[in-house]
Protein backbone atom coordinates (compact mmCIF):
# COMPACT_ATOMS: atom_id res chain seq x y z
CA MET A 1 44.80 61.29 219.27
CA THR A 2 46.05 58.21 221.14
CA GLY A 3 49.17 58.15 223.35
CA THR A 4 51.09 56.15 220.71
CA GLU A 5 50.11 58.64 217.96
CA GLU A 6 51.01 61.62 220.14
CA SER A 7 54.29 60.08 220.98
CA GLY A 8 54.97 59.38 217.37
CA HIS A 9 54.14 62.96 216.43
CA GLN A 10 56.49 64.39 219.08
CA ALA A 11 59.28 62.12 217.92
CA ALA A 12 58.80 63.20 214.38
CA ALA A 13 58.81 66.88 215.43
CA ALA A 14 61.96 66.36 217.51
CA ARG A 15 63.67 64.83 214.45
CA GLN A 16 62.69 67.72 212.34
CA VAL A 17 63.93 70.27 214.92
CA TYR A 18 67.23 68.42 215.28
CA ARG A 19 67.72 68.33 211.46
CA ARG A 20 67.08 72.09 211.33
CA LEU A 21 69.56 72.58 214.14
CA LEU A 22 72.22 70.55 212.36
CA GLY A 23 71.52 72.75 209.37
CA TYR A 24 73.35 75.60 211.23
CA ALA A 25 76.47 73.31 211.18
CA GLN A 26 76.30 72.80 207.48
CA PRO A 27 78.30 75.91 206.54
CA HIS A 28 81.09 74.56 208.67
CA TRP A 29 81.12 71.08 207.10
CA ARG A 30 84.87 70.94 206.65
CA MET A 31 85.44 71.24 210.43
CA PHE A 32 82.67 68.76 210.99
CA ILE A 33 84.29 66.28 208.60
CA PHE A 34 87.57 66.57 210.50
CA SER A 35 85.81 65.87 213.70
CA VAL A 36 83.92 62.88 212.27
CA ILE A 37 87.23 61.44 210.98
CA GLY A 38 88.60 61.83 214.52
CA MET A 39 85.64 60.14 215.99
CA LEU A 40 85.77 57.16 213.60
CA ILE A 41 89.59 56.70 214.19
CA TYR A 42 88.95 56.80 217.94
CA ALA A 43 86.11 54.26 217.65
CA ALA A 44 88.30 51.96 215.57
CA THR A 45 90.91 51.79 218.33
CA GLU A 46 88.39 50.02 220.69
CA PRO A 47 87.93 46.79 218.72
CA VAL A 48 91.61 46.90 217.67
CA PHE A 49 92.57 47.06 221.39
CA ALA A 50 90.19 44.20 222.20
CA ALA A 51 91.62 42.20 219.25
CA MET A 52 95.20 42.80 220.62
CA MET A 53 94.25 40.80 223.68
CA LYS A 54 94.39 37.48 221.77
CA PRO A 55 97.97 37.77 220.44
CA LEU A 56 99.09 39.57 223.68
CA ILE A 57 97.93 36.67 225.96
CA ASP A 58 98.43 33.71 223.56
CA GLY A 59 101.72 34.96 222.18
CA THR A 60 103.33 36.13 225.44
CA PHE A 61 101.91 34.14 228.37
CA ILE A 62 101.00 30.96 226.52
CA ASP A 63 103.38 30.51 223.65
CA LYS A 64 106.04 32.86 224.95
CA ASP A 65 106.90 34.07 221.45
CA PRO A 66 109.83 36.57 221.88
CA SER A 67 108.95 38.54 218.78
CA VAL A 68 105.43 39.12 220.07
CA VAL A 69 106.83 39.95 223.49
CA ARG A 70 109.05 42.72 221.83
CA ILE A 71 106.42 44.22 219.49
CA MET A 72 103.24 44.23 221.67
CA PRO A 73 104.28 47.09 223.96
CA LEU A 74 105.06 49.21 220.94
CA VAL A 75 101.74 48.35 219.36
CA LEU A 76 99.87 49.27 222.52
CA VAL A 77 101.69 52.57 222.74
CA ALA A 78 100.87 53.27 219.09
CA ILE A 79 97.21 52.37 219.51
CA PHE A 80 96.85 54.81 222.39
CA LEU A 81 98.89 57.56 220.63
CA VAL A 82 96.58 57.38 217.65
CA ARG A 83 93.60 57.30 220.10
CA GLY A 84 94.81 60.45 221.86
CA ILE A 85 95.33 62.44 218.62
CA ALA A 86 91.95 61.31 217.25
CA ALA A 87 90.25 62.40 220.54
CA PHE A 88 91.89 65.82 220.31
CA ILE A 89 90.82 66.24 216.68
CA ASN A 90 87.28 65.11 217.56
CA ASP A 91 86.92 67.33 220.71
CA TYR A 92 88.50 70.42 219.22
CA PHE A 93 86.84 70.55 215.82
CA LEU A 94 83.40 69.49 217.03
CA SER A 95 83.63 72.03 219.86
CA TRP A 96 84.59 74.68 217.28
CA VAL A 97 81.45 73.81 215.22
CA GLY A 98 79.30 73.76 218.40
CA ARG A 99 80.43 77.12 219.54
CA ARG A 100 80.00 78.55 216.00
CA VAL A 101 76.48 77.21 215.82
CA VAL A 102 75.69 78.77 219.19
CA ALA A 103 77.22 82.18 218.13
CA ASP A 104 75.33 82.01 214.80
CA LEU A 105 72.09 81.23 216.60
CA ARG A 106 72.59 83.97 219.09
CA GLN A 107 73.41 86.50 216.40
CA ALA A 108 70.32 85.45 214.37
CA MET A 109 68.10 85.65 217.48
CA PHE A 110 69.43 89.07 218.41
CA GLU A 111 68.98 90.45 214.92
CA HIS A 112 65.51 89.03 214.78
CA LEU A 113 64.67 90.59 218.09
CA LEU A 114 65.63 93.97 216.55
CA ARG A 115 63.03 93.31 213.82
CA VAL A 116 60.06 91.89 215.72
CA PRO A 117 57.21 94.33 216.22
CA THR A 118 56.65 96.13 219.47
CA ARG A 119 53.66 93.85 220.17
CA TYR A 120 56.12 90.94 220.70
CA TYR A 121 57.82 92.72 223.59
CA ASP A 122 54.30 93.51 225.05
CA THR A 123 53.46 89.79 225.13
CA HIS A 124 56.86 88.27 226.06
CA GLY A 125 58.69 89.09 229.27
CA SER A 126 62.19 90.36 228.94
CA GLY A 127 63.33 87.63 231.38
CA HIS A 128 62.07 84.88 229.09
CA ILE A 129 63.73 86.44 226.08
CA LEU A 130 67.08 86.72 227.93
CA ALA A 131 66.82 83.13 229.01
CA LYS A 132 66.50 82.05 225.38
CA LEU A 133 69.73 84.04 224.55
CA THR A 134 71.59 82.60 227.47
CA TYR A 135 70.33 79.36 229.08
CA ASN A 136 68.49 77.80 226.14
CA VAL A 137 71.13 78.39 223.54
CA GLU A 138 73.77 76.74 225.75
CA ASN A 139 71.66 73.54 225.92
CA VAL A 140 71.72 73.64 222.11
CA ALA A 141 75.54 73.61 222.33
CA GLY A 142 75.26 70.29 224.20
CA ALA A 143 73.07 68.75 221.55
CA ALA A 144 75.40 69.99 218.80
CA THR A 145 78.63 68.62 220.35
CA SER A 146 78.42 65.94 223.14
CA ALA A 147 75.32 64.48 221.54
CA VAL A 148 76.94 64.19 218.12
CA THR A 149 80.10 62.82 219.68
CA ALA A 150 78.26 60.07 221.55
CA ILE A 151 76.04 59.21 218.59
CA VAL A 152 78.83 58.97 215.97
CA ARG A 153 81.89 57.89 217.98
CA ASP A 154 80.22 55.73 220.65
CA GLY A 155 77.79 54.41 218.12
CA ALA A 156 80.70 53.40 215.82
CA THR A 157 82.49 51.93 218.81
CA VAL A 158 79.51 49.78 219.74
CA ILE A 159 79.08 48.63 216.14
CA GLY A 160 82.87 47.89 215.81
CA LEU A 161 82.99 45.87 219.06
CA MET A 162 79.73 43.98 218.33
CA GLY A 163 81.21 43.10 214.89
CA TYR A 164 84.29 41.82 216.45
CA MET A 165 82.40 39.76 219.05
CA LEU A 166 80.20 38.28 216.30
CA TYR A 167 83.39 37.35 214.47
CA ILE A 168 84.78 35.47 217.46
CA ASN A 169 81.62 33.86 218.57
CA ALA A 170 78.24 34.62 216.98
CA SER A 171 76.18 32.55 219.41
CA LEU A 172 77.54 34.22 222.52
CA SER A 173 77.25 37.61 220.92
CA ALA A 174 73.46 37.03 220.13
CA ILE A 175 72.82 37.26 223.94
CA PHE A 176 73.91 40.98 223.76
CA LEU A 177 71.59 41.49 220.79
CA VAL A 178 68.58 39.98 222.72
CA MET A 179 69.10 42.76 225.41
CA GLY A 180 68.71 45.48 222.68
CA PRO A 181 64.95 45.79 222.74
CA VAL A 182 64.86 45.93 226.52
CA MET A 183 67.40 48.70 226.48
CA ALA A 184 65.38 50.54 223.80
CA VAL A 185 62.26 50.50 225.96
CA ALA A 186 64.22 52.02 228.93
CA VAL A 187 65.71 54.68 226.70
CA LYS A 188 62.38 55.58 225.22
CA TYR A 189 60.75 56.01 228.65
CA ALA A 190 63.66 58.16 229.76
CA THR A 191 63.36 60.29 226.56
CA LYS A 192 59.79 61.32 227.32
CA ARG A 193 60.75 62.37 230.82
CA PHE A 194 63.81 64.22 229.59
CA ARG A 195 61.74 66.21 227.05
CA ARG A 196 58.96 67.04 229.51
CA TYR A 197 61.31 68.23 232.32
CA SER A 198 63.54 70.16 229.86
CA ARG A 199 60.54 72.22 228.64
CA ARG A 200 59.42 73.00 232.23
CA ILE A 201 62.98 73.86 233.37
CA GLN A 202 63.32 76.37 230.42
CA ASP A 203 60.11 78.05 231.48
CA ARG A 204 61.33 78.22 235.16
CA ILE A 205 64.68 79.63 234.04
CA GLY A 206 62.82 82.38 232.08
CA GLU A 207 60.70 83.09 235.19
CA LEU A 208 63.81 83.17 237.40
CA THR A 209 65.56 85.57 235.10
CA HIS A 210 62.44 87.76 234.97
CA VAL A 211 62.15 87.91 238.77
CA ALA A 212 65.79 88.72 239.19
CA GLN A 213 65.69 91.36 236.50
CA GLU A 214 62.68 93.10 238.00
CA ALA A 215 64.35 93.27 241.48
CA ILE A 216 67.64 94.52 239.90
CA ASP A 217 65.97 97.12 237.82
CA GLY A 218 63.74 98.18 240.62
CA HIS A 219 66.36 98.02 243.37
CA ARG A 220 65.61 101.60 244.49
CA VAL A 221 61.96 100.89 244.95
CA VAL A 222 62.65 97.65 246.73
CA LYS A 223 64.91 99.39 249.20
CA ALA A 224 62.72 102.46 249.69
CA PHE A 225 59.59 100.29 250.41
CA GLY A 226 61.48 97.60 252.40
CA GLY A 227 60.60 94.89 249.88
CA GLN A 228 63.74 92.86 250.24
CA ALA A 229 62.01 89.97 252.14
CA GLN A 230 59.09 89.92 249.69
CA GLU A 231 61.47 89.76 246.70
CA ALA A 232 63.66 87.17 248.45
CA ARG A 233 60.59 84.97 249.07
CA HIS A 234 59.41 85.38 245.45
CA PHE A 235 62.88 84.46 244.14
CA SER A 236 63.16 81.55 246.55
CA PHE A 237 59.82 80.09 245.45
CA VAL A 238 60.83 80.13 241.77
CA ASN A 239 64.38 79.04 242.53
CA GLU A 240 63.20 76.06 244.55
CA LYS A 241 60.73 75.02 241.79
CA THR A 242 63.59 75.17 239.29
CA ARG A 243 65.84 73.16 241.64
CA SER A 244 63.10 70.50 242.11
CA LEU A 245 62.62 70.10 238.30
CA GLN A 246 66.37 69.92 237.74
CA MET A 247 66.61 67.15 240.49
CA LYS A 248 63.89 65.18 238.67
CA MET A 249 65.85 65.52 235.43
CA ILE A 250 69.04 64.37 237.20
CA ALA A 251 67.27 61.49 238.87
CA THR A 252 66.01 60.33 235.46
CA GLU A 253 69.49 60.58 233.96
CA ALA A 254 71.10 58.96 236.95
CA ALA A 255 68.69 56.01 236.85
CA SER A 256 68.59 55.40 233.15
CA ALA A 257 72.44 54.94 232.61
CA PRO A 258 72.89 52.41 235.55
CA LEU A 259 69.70 50.50 234.29
CA VAL A 260 71.17 50.12 230.79
CA GLN A 261 74.49 49.18 232.31
CA LEU A 262 72.84 46.59 234.48
CA LEU A 263 71.17 45.07 231.53
CA SER A 264 74.61 44.92 229.77
CA VAL A 265 76.30 43.39 232.78
CA LEU A 266 73.61 40.76 233.09
CA ALA A 267 74.31 39.84 229.42
CA ILE A 268 78.05 39.73 230.09
CA ALA A 269 77.63 37.58 233.25
CA PHE A 270 75.45 35.19 231.31
CA ILE A 271 78.07 35.00 228.53
CA VAL A 272 80.81 34.38 231.05
CA TYR A 273 78.78 31.62 232.56
CA LEU A 274 78.16 29.93 229.22
CA SER A 275 81.80 30.40 228.26
CA THR A 276 82.88 28.25 231.27
CA LEU A 277 80.80 25.39 230.22
CA GLN A 278 82.86 22.48 228.92
CA GLY A 279 81.11 22.34 225.46
CA LEU A 280 82.09 25.90 224.81
CA ARG A 281 85.77 25.76 226.00
CA GLN A 282 87.11 23.12 223.57
CA ASP A 283 87.46 25.47 220.50
CA ILE A 284 88.33 28.65 222.26
CA THR A 285 91.84 29.74 223.50
CA VAL A 286 92.52 31.76 226.59
CA GLY A 287 93.54 34.70 224.42
CA THR A 288 90.39 34.45 222.37
CA PHE A 289 88.23 34.31 225.51
CA MET A 290 89.96 37.25 227.04
CA SER A 291 89.74 39.22 223.81
CA PHE A 292 86.00 38.49 223.65
CA LEU A 293 85.65 39.44 227.41
CA ALA A 294 87.69 42.70 226.78
CA ALA A 295 85.34 43.67 223.94
CA MET A 296 82.33 43.06 226.15
CA ALA A 297 83.93 45.20 228.98
CA LEU A 298 84.78 47.95 226.48
CA LEU A 299 81.09 48.04 225.49
CA LEU A 300 79.95 49.31 228.84
CA ALA A 301 81.49 52.79 228.59
CA PRO A 302 80.11 53.70 225.13
CA ILE A 303 76.67 52.25 226.03
CA LYS A 304 76.64 54.33 229.20
CA ARG A 305 77.49 57.48 227.27
CA LEU A 306 75.00 56.71 224.56
CA THR A 307 72.30 56.43 227.25
CA GLY A 308 73.47 59.50 229.11
CA VAL A 309 73.52 61.59 225.96
CA ASN A 310 69.88 61.24 225.65
CA SER A 311 69.34 63.85 228.38
CA HIS A 312 71.67 66.33 226.54
CA LEU A 313 69.92 65.62 223.22
CA GLN A 314 66.42 66.10 224.54
CA ARG A 315 67.40 69.26 226.36
CA GLY A 316 68.96 70.55 223.19
CA ILE A 317 65.91 69.67 221.08
CA VAL A 318 63.54 71.35 223.48
CA ALA A 319 65.88 74.40 223.62
CA ALA A 320 66.03 74.54 219.87
CA GLN A 321 62.24 74.42 219.67
CA SER A 322 62.17 77.45 221.90
CA LEU A 323 64.71 79.29 219.79
CA PHE A 324 63.05 78.43 216.61
CA GLU A 325 59.67 79.69 217.98
CA LEU A 326 61.43 83.12 218.31
CA LEU A 327 63.17 82.91 214.91
CA ASP A 328 59.91 81.93 213.27
CA SER A 329 57.86 84.74 214.85
CA ALA A 330 56.75 87.30 212.26
CA PRO A 331 59.08 90.44 211.88
CA GLU A 332 57.67 93.88 211.43
CA THR A 333 55.77 94.18 208.29
CA ASP A 334 57.96 96.18 205.89
CA THR A 335 56.40 95.97 202.42
CA GLY A 336 56.77 99.62 201.66
CA THR A 337 58.76 100.48 198.50
CA ARG A 338 58.59 104.30 198.50
CA THR A 339 60.94 106.85 200.10
CA LEU A 340 60.45 110.55 200.77
CA GLY A 341 63.85 112.05 200.79
CA ARG A 342 63.16 114.71 203.45
CA ALA A 343 59.48 115.10 204.25
CA GLN A 344 57.67 118.42 204.38
CA GLY A 345 55.92 117.20 207.43
CA ARG A 346 52.16 117.14 206.60
CA ILE A 347 50.56 114.35 208.69
CA GLU A 348 47.01 112.96 208.31
CA TYR A 349 45.04 110.42 210.35
CA ARG A 350 42.07 109.23 208.31
CA GLY A 351 39.48 107.27 210.33
CA VAL A 352 42.11 105.63 212.47
CA THR A 353 41.02 103.15 215.13
CA HIS A 354 43.41 101.00 217.13
CA ARG A 355 42.89 98.24 219.56
CA TYR A 356 45.89 96.47 221.26
CA SER A 357 44.12 93.15 221.65
CA ASP A 358 40.67 91.73 221.05
CA ASP A 359 39.79 91.58 224.69
CA LYS A 360 40.47 95.33 225.23
CA ALA A 361 38.56 98.44 224.20
CA SER A 362 39.88 100.55 221.38
CA ALA A 363 42.58 102.87 222.45
CA ILE A 364 41.55 105.46 219.78
CA MET A 365 38.36 105.38 217.56
CA ASP A 366 37.73 106.94 214.17
CA LEU A 367 40.44 109.60 214.61
CA ASP A 368 40.47 112.21 211.82
CA LEU A 369 43.36 114.63 212.12
CA VAL A 370 45.36 116.82 209.77
CA ILE A 371 48.59 118.50 210.92
CA ALA A 372 50.12 121.02 208.64
CA PRO A 373 53.92 121.06 207.95
CA GLY A 374 55.68 122.86 210.82
CA GLU A 375 52.63 122.87 213.03
CA LYS A 376 53.11 122.12 216.73
CA VAL A 377 50.31 119.97 218.02
CA ALA A 378 49.92 119.05 221.68
CA LEU A 379 47.90 115.86 222.93
CA VAL A 380 46.42 116.28 226.37
CA GLY A 381 44.05 114.02 228.38
CA ARG A 382 43.93 111.80 231.36
CA SER A 383 45.73 108.44 231.49
CA GLY A 384 44.35 106.07 228.95
CA SER A 385 42.80 108.70 226.76
CA GLY A 386 44.90 107.56 223.80
CA LYS A 387 47.63 110.23 223.62
CA THR A 388 50.58 107.73 223.51
CA THR A 389 48.75 105.54 221.01
CA VAL A 390 48.34 108.45 218.52
CA ALA A 391 52.03 109.09 218.67
CA SER A 392 53.12 105.39 218.63
CA LEU A 393 51.15 104.69 215.36
CA LEU A 394 53.07 107.46 213.42
CA PRO A 395 56.52 105.58 213.33
CA ARG A 396 54.59 102.26 212.96
CA PHE A 397 55.49 100.87 216.40
CA TYR A 398 51.91 99.48 215.82
CA ASP A 399 49.81 99.32 212.81
CA PRO A 400 46.37 100.71 213.28
CA THR A 401 43.40 98.28 213.39
CA ALA A 402 41.53 100.42 210.85
CA GLY A 403 42.08 103.61 208.87
CA ALA A 404 45.33 104.98 207.38
CA ILE A 405 48.04 107.49 208.32
CA LEU A 406 49.67 109.58 205.75
CA ILE A 407 52.87 111.69 205.55
CA ASP A 408 52.91 114.26 202.75
CA GLY A 409 49.94 112.42 201.14
CA ILE A 410 51.69 109.04 201.13
CA PRO A 411 50.32 106.20 203.33
CA ILE A 412 53.02 105.24 205.83
CA ARG A 413 52.56 101.62 204.96
CA ASP A 414 53.88 102.45 201.38
CA LEU A 415 57.12 103.78 202.85
CA THR A 416 59.93 101.62 203.86
CA LEU A 417 60.32 101.38 207.63
CA ALA A 418 63.84 102.75 207.49
CA ASP A 419 62.76 105.82 205.44
CA LEU A 420 59.62 106.37 207.58
CA ARG A 421 61.57 106.41 210.87
CA SER A 422 64.39 108.48 209.37
CA GLN A 423 61.78 111.23 209.24
CA ILE A 424 60.98 111.10 212.90
CA ALA A 425 62.93 112.05 216.05
CA LEU A 426 61.69 110.85 219.48
CA VAL A 427 62.27 112.18 222.93
CA SER A 428 60.36 110.17 225.48
CA GLN A 429 59.76 110.77 229.24
CA ASP A 430 61.50 107.48 229.96
CA VAL A 431 64.92 108.37 228.60
CA VAL A 432 66.80 105.33 227.06
CA LEU A 433 70.53 105.77 227.08
CA PHE A 434 73.15 103.05 226.48
CA ASN A 435 76.30 101.97 228.44
CA ASP A 436 78.66 104.04 226.20
CA SER A 437 80.18 107.48 226.02
CA ILE A 438 78.16 110.79 225.98
CA ALA A 439 79.26 111.30 222.35
CA ASP A 440 78.12 107.92 221.18
CA ASN A 441 74.80 108.35 222.94
CA ILE A 442 74.17 111.66 221.25
CA ALA A 443 75.22 110.31 217.89
CA TYR A 444 73.31 107.02 218.33
CA GLY A 445 71.91 105.62 215.05
CA ARG A 446 73.69 108.20 212.91
CA PRO A 447 75.44 106.59 209.97
CA GLN A 448 78.23 109.16 209.78
CA VAL A 449 80.34 110.00 212.91
CA PRO A 450 79.50 113.64 213.78
CA SER A 451 82.31 116.14 214.12
CA HIS A 452 83.16 117.60 217.47
CA ALA A 453 81.74 120.97 216.47
CA GLU A 454 78.43 119.27 215.64
CA LEU A 455 78.34 117.61 219.01
CA VAL A 456 79.14 120.86 220.84
CA ALA A 457 76.38 122.71 218.88
CA VAL A 458 73.60 120.31 219.80
CA ALA A 459 74.86 119.95 223.40
CA LYS A 460 74.85 123.71 223.74
CA ALA A 461 71.33 123.98 222.25
CA ALA A 462 70.07 121.25 224.60
CA HIS A 463 71.80 123.05 227.61
CA ALA A 464 73.96 120.01 228.16
CA LEU A 465 77.32 121.46 227.24
CA GLU A 466 78.12 122.95 230.59
CA PHE A 467 77.77 119.77 232.62
CA ILE A 468 79.45 117.66 229.78
CA GLU A 469 82.54 119.89 229.78
CA ALA A 470 82.73 119.66 233.61
CA LEU A 471 83.19 115.91 233.38
CA PRO A 472 86.70 114.48 233.47
CA GLN A 473 86.65 113.07 229.97
CA GLY A 474 84.09 115.39 228.42
CA PHE A 475 82.21 113.90 225.55
CA ASP A 476 84.12 110.58 225.97
CA THR A 477 82.81 110.09 229.50
CA PRO A 478 81.10 106.66 230.03
CA ILE A 479 77.60 107.10 231.46
CA GLY A 480 77.06 103.60 232.81
CA ASP A 481 74.17 101.23 232.45
CA ARG A 482 71.08 103.26 231.24
CA GLY A 483 73.02 106.43 232.07
CA VAL A 484 72.98 105.68 235.76
CA LEU A 485 76.05 107.96 236.42
CA LEU A 486 74.09 111.01 235.30
CA SER A 487 71.14 112.79 237.00
CA GLY A 488 67.63 112.63 235.51
CA GLY A 489 67.91 116.15 234.07
CA GLN A 490 71.18 115.37 232.49
CA ARG A 491 69.80 112.21 230.79
CA GLN A 492 66.90 114.11 229.54
CA ARG A 493 69.11 116.83 227.91
CA LEU A 494 71.24 114.14 226.24
CA ALA A 495 68.08 112.69 224.78
CA ILE A 496 67.08 116.14 223.51
CA ALA A 497 70.63 116.69 222.02
CA ARG A 498 70.33 113.25 220.26
CA ALA A 499 66.99 114.37 218.70
CA MET A 500 68.49 117.70 217.66
CA LEU A 501 71.47 116.03 215.94
CA LYS A 502 69.16 113.64 214.02
CA ASP A 503 67.55 116.80 212.44
CA ALA A 504 64.33 114.91 211.43
CA PRO A 505 61.48 116.93 209.93
CA ILE A 506 58.96 115.40 212.38
CA LEU A 507 59.36 115.38 216.24
CA ILE A 508 57.58 113.39 218.88
CA LEU A 509 58.09 114.80 222.33
CA ASP A 510 56.80 112.83 225.30
CA GLU A 511 56.96 115.49 228.07
CA ALA A 512 60.63 116.10 226.99
CA THR A 513 61.36 118.51 229.94
CA SER A 514 59.71 116.57 232.73
CA ALA A 515 63.00 115.69 234.48
CA LEU A 516 64.48 119.18 234.43
CA ASP A 517 64.62 121.73 237.14
CA THR A 518 62.75 125.05 236.71
CA GLU A 519 65.77 127.04 235.43
CA SER A 520 66.95 124.32 232.96
CA GLU A 521 63.40 123.82 231.76
CA ARG A 522 63.02 127.47 230.85
CA HIS A 523 66.19 127.32 228.69
CA ILE A 524 65.24 124.00 227.15
CA GLN A 525 61.79 125.23 226.23
CA ALA A 526 63.28 128.16 224.42
CA ALA A 527 65.68 125.75 222.55
CA LEU A 528 62.82 123.33 221.74
CA GLN A 529 60.73 126.18 220.61
CA GLU A 530 63.34 127.27 218.04
CA LEU A 531 63.83 123.68 216.98
CA MET A 532 60.02 123.12 216.48
CA GLU A 533 59.59 126.19 214.38
CA ARG A 534 60.89 124.25 211.40
CA ARG A 535 59.37 120.90 212.19
CA THR A 536 56.02 119.17 212.56
CA THR A 537 55.81 118.34 216.22
CA LEU A 538 53.56 116.03 218.26
CA VAL A 539 53.84 116.81 222.03
CA ILE A 540 52.35 114.33 224.53
CA ALA A 541 51.60 116.80 227.38
CA HIS A 542 51.46 115.79 230.95
CA ARG A 543 52.08 119.23 232.35
CA LEU A 544 49.84 121.79 230.62
CA SER A 545 52.29 124.60 231.42
CA THR A 546 54.71 123.11 228.78
CA ILE A 547 52.21 123.43 225.84
CA GLU A 548 50.62 126.81 226.35
CA ASN A 549 52.43 128.11 223.21
CA ALA A 550 51.38 125.09 220.99
CA ASP A 551 49.71 125.96 217.65
CA ARG A 552 46.95 123.59 218.50
CA ILE A 553 45.98 121.56 221.55
CA LEU A 554 43.96 118.32 221.11
CA VAL A 555 42.03 117.09 224.21
CA LEU A 556 41.40 113.36 224.06
CA MET A 557 39.01 111.43 226.06
CA GLU A 558 38.43 107.65 225.66
CA GLY A 559 40.31 107.69 222.35
CA ARG A 560 38.35 110.58 220.74
CA ILE A 561 39.12 114.26 220.21
CA VAL A 562 36.64 116.10 222.41
CA GLU A 563 38.12 119.64 222.16
CA GLN A 564 40.78 121.35 220.08
CA GLY A 565 42.15 124.85 219.70
CA ARG A 566 44.85 127.15 221.21
CA HIS A 567 45.42 127.41 224.93
CA ALA A 568 43.34 130.64 225.38
CA GLU A 569 40.59 129.43 223.15
CA LEU A 570 40.14 126.25 225.12
CA LEU A 571 40.27 128.02 228.41
CA ALA A 572 37.51 130.34 227.12
CA LEU A 573 35.31 127.38 226.21
CA GLY A 574 35.12 126.35 229.90
CA GLY A 575 35.08 122.70 228.99
CA TYR A 576 37.18 119.61 229.68
CA TYR A 577 40.52 121.40 229.14
CA THR A 578 39.58 124.07 231.49
CA ARG A 579 38.84 121.45 234.17
CA LEU A 580 42.19 119.75 233.57
CA HIS A 581 43.94 123.15 233.79
CA ARG A 582 42.15 124.07 236.96
CA LEU A 583 43.13 120.70 238.58
CA GLN A 584 46.81 121.42 237.95
CA PHE A 585 47.03 125.04 238.72
CA HIS A 586 44.32 125.93 241.24
CA ASP A 587 43.15 122.94 243.27
CA GLY A 588 46.59 122.04 244.68
CA PRO A 589 48.63 118.86 244.70
CA GLU A 590 45.83 116.71 246.31
CA ALA A 591 43.61 117.33 243.36
CA VAL A 592 46.43 116.67 240.96
CA ALA A 593 47.14 113.35 242.60
CA GLY A 594 43.53 112.31 242.47
CA HIS A 595 42.79 113.62 238.93
CA SER A 596 45.98 113.04 236.99
CA ALA A 597 46.17 114.74 233.56
CA ALA A 598 48.74 112.16 232.54
């Protein structure tokens, strides 16, 4: 593809993106029409003001007409009053539309992020996603407001003034038109640079957000390991690259507007020179000449704004491309049509294989497994053995590469995602809590607000009631960002209470007691044991002491089940499970550190 063809393709793609962006303004067309009316009235005042120069000068200073002297000040005041009202209508209603478009886009993006598959988050950094929701979408606001104002209002102003100039003297006005192609070349060159730098700046902002978020989230590690200087250098590098790109963008914008203005002034200077020639003065009055000159002078400001708006427009188009890439990404596949009501809890894995990407080995291979209703099955093995993958496939966080998973004999792909996930409660080792009250965190996702008695019951079962009642506001106590105001054990108990309140027939426990002290763990294990008696449970075990009472223990190695049975049976085999058990309970902490069973 040649440079010209590529440039044409990019221009066509940009127009398509901008049309799609304006489509978000279509539902608010009434407000937009009000704004356009304001723009056109405002634009009309420019040539009217230039036209007033002729009667103002000829009628007052030359002819000294008393009626003109009396009425012209009132006319000027009226023109600028109308101009001010039109400017307000334009700015307010267009800004209303612009902010509405931004809000709608943000809402659509956020709702889409809630529907994208887990794989999307694996391949897109959270910093880049947040940059789309903050920085990129604000650039869209500029394209939807200031760009439209300049294109419509200033474009109409230029057309009106040029029309008036042609009416006064077509031959002189033609000089301005000759400069048009030269201005177009300058604007086209600037457009390419704006688009290129805008895309690079967006990437850098995403990286900047990512670096900052990592340092903020990991501030304890940064402080504990003295990494402040390292993080500062990392942020400084990205920050400086971002500043450099932004300065290149500013330089392009700062150079393009004066260049176009210089071309305009050259045309004006040439016109003034020609106007002073004897052959051109005979049929032109002083008022007419000043009116023509005023029209030319009034052209400079809208031409400057039209040139300057190109940077806002290109930033907005590049930002919109980034947003539409997110909105066009495939959501989770939810083609299921069946529902279960409340599942009995029979789970089957039939020849299940899963690979996270083509360049990685399979996490699990040809897994065949049947779990009876109410059975408690533990998954053990070293890191990377496939334990988490087995559990993650059940609620369809990922779809298996091959094979099928069934609940009560129904393939989970045939179930709606909402119904499938309503059957499953999850307690993970990395507890996720929200910046809300304790009550709202326990009741998270529940369609009906639970009664106080229900909250007390699950909190008591999860051994959380004692510390909750000791707090100043009890269940209404805010817990801070990610539950930072609570201890690790308290956060874990709230997550267990949340799973208990959901009362799902299937449980996935990812070392649900790992953050508890020994006394609390003993009570929680008893509570979980009672809870699991009536539910099918998958336990991802890191500490073998927590799964000694499991109905069945599956030992995984490199994505395959190498041993299975009860705790005593596996120890009697003297195989891989026995070695894992010995590492944790007999060889001491050094062995555990070197041969993690996680």
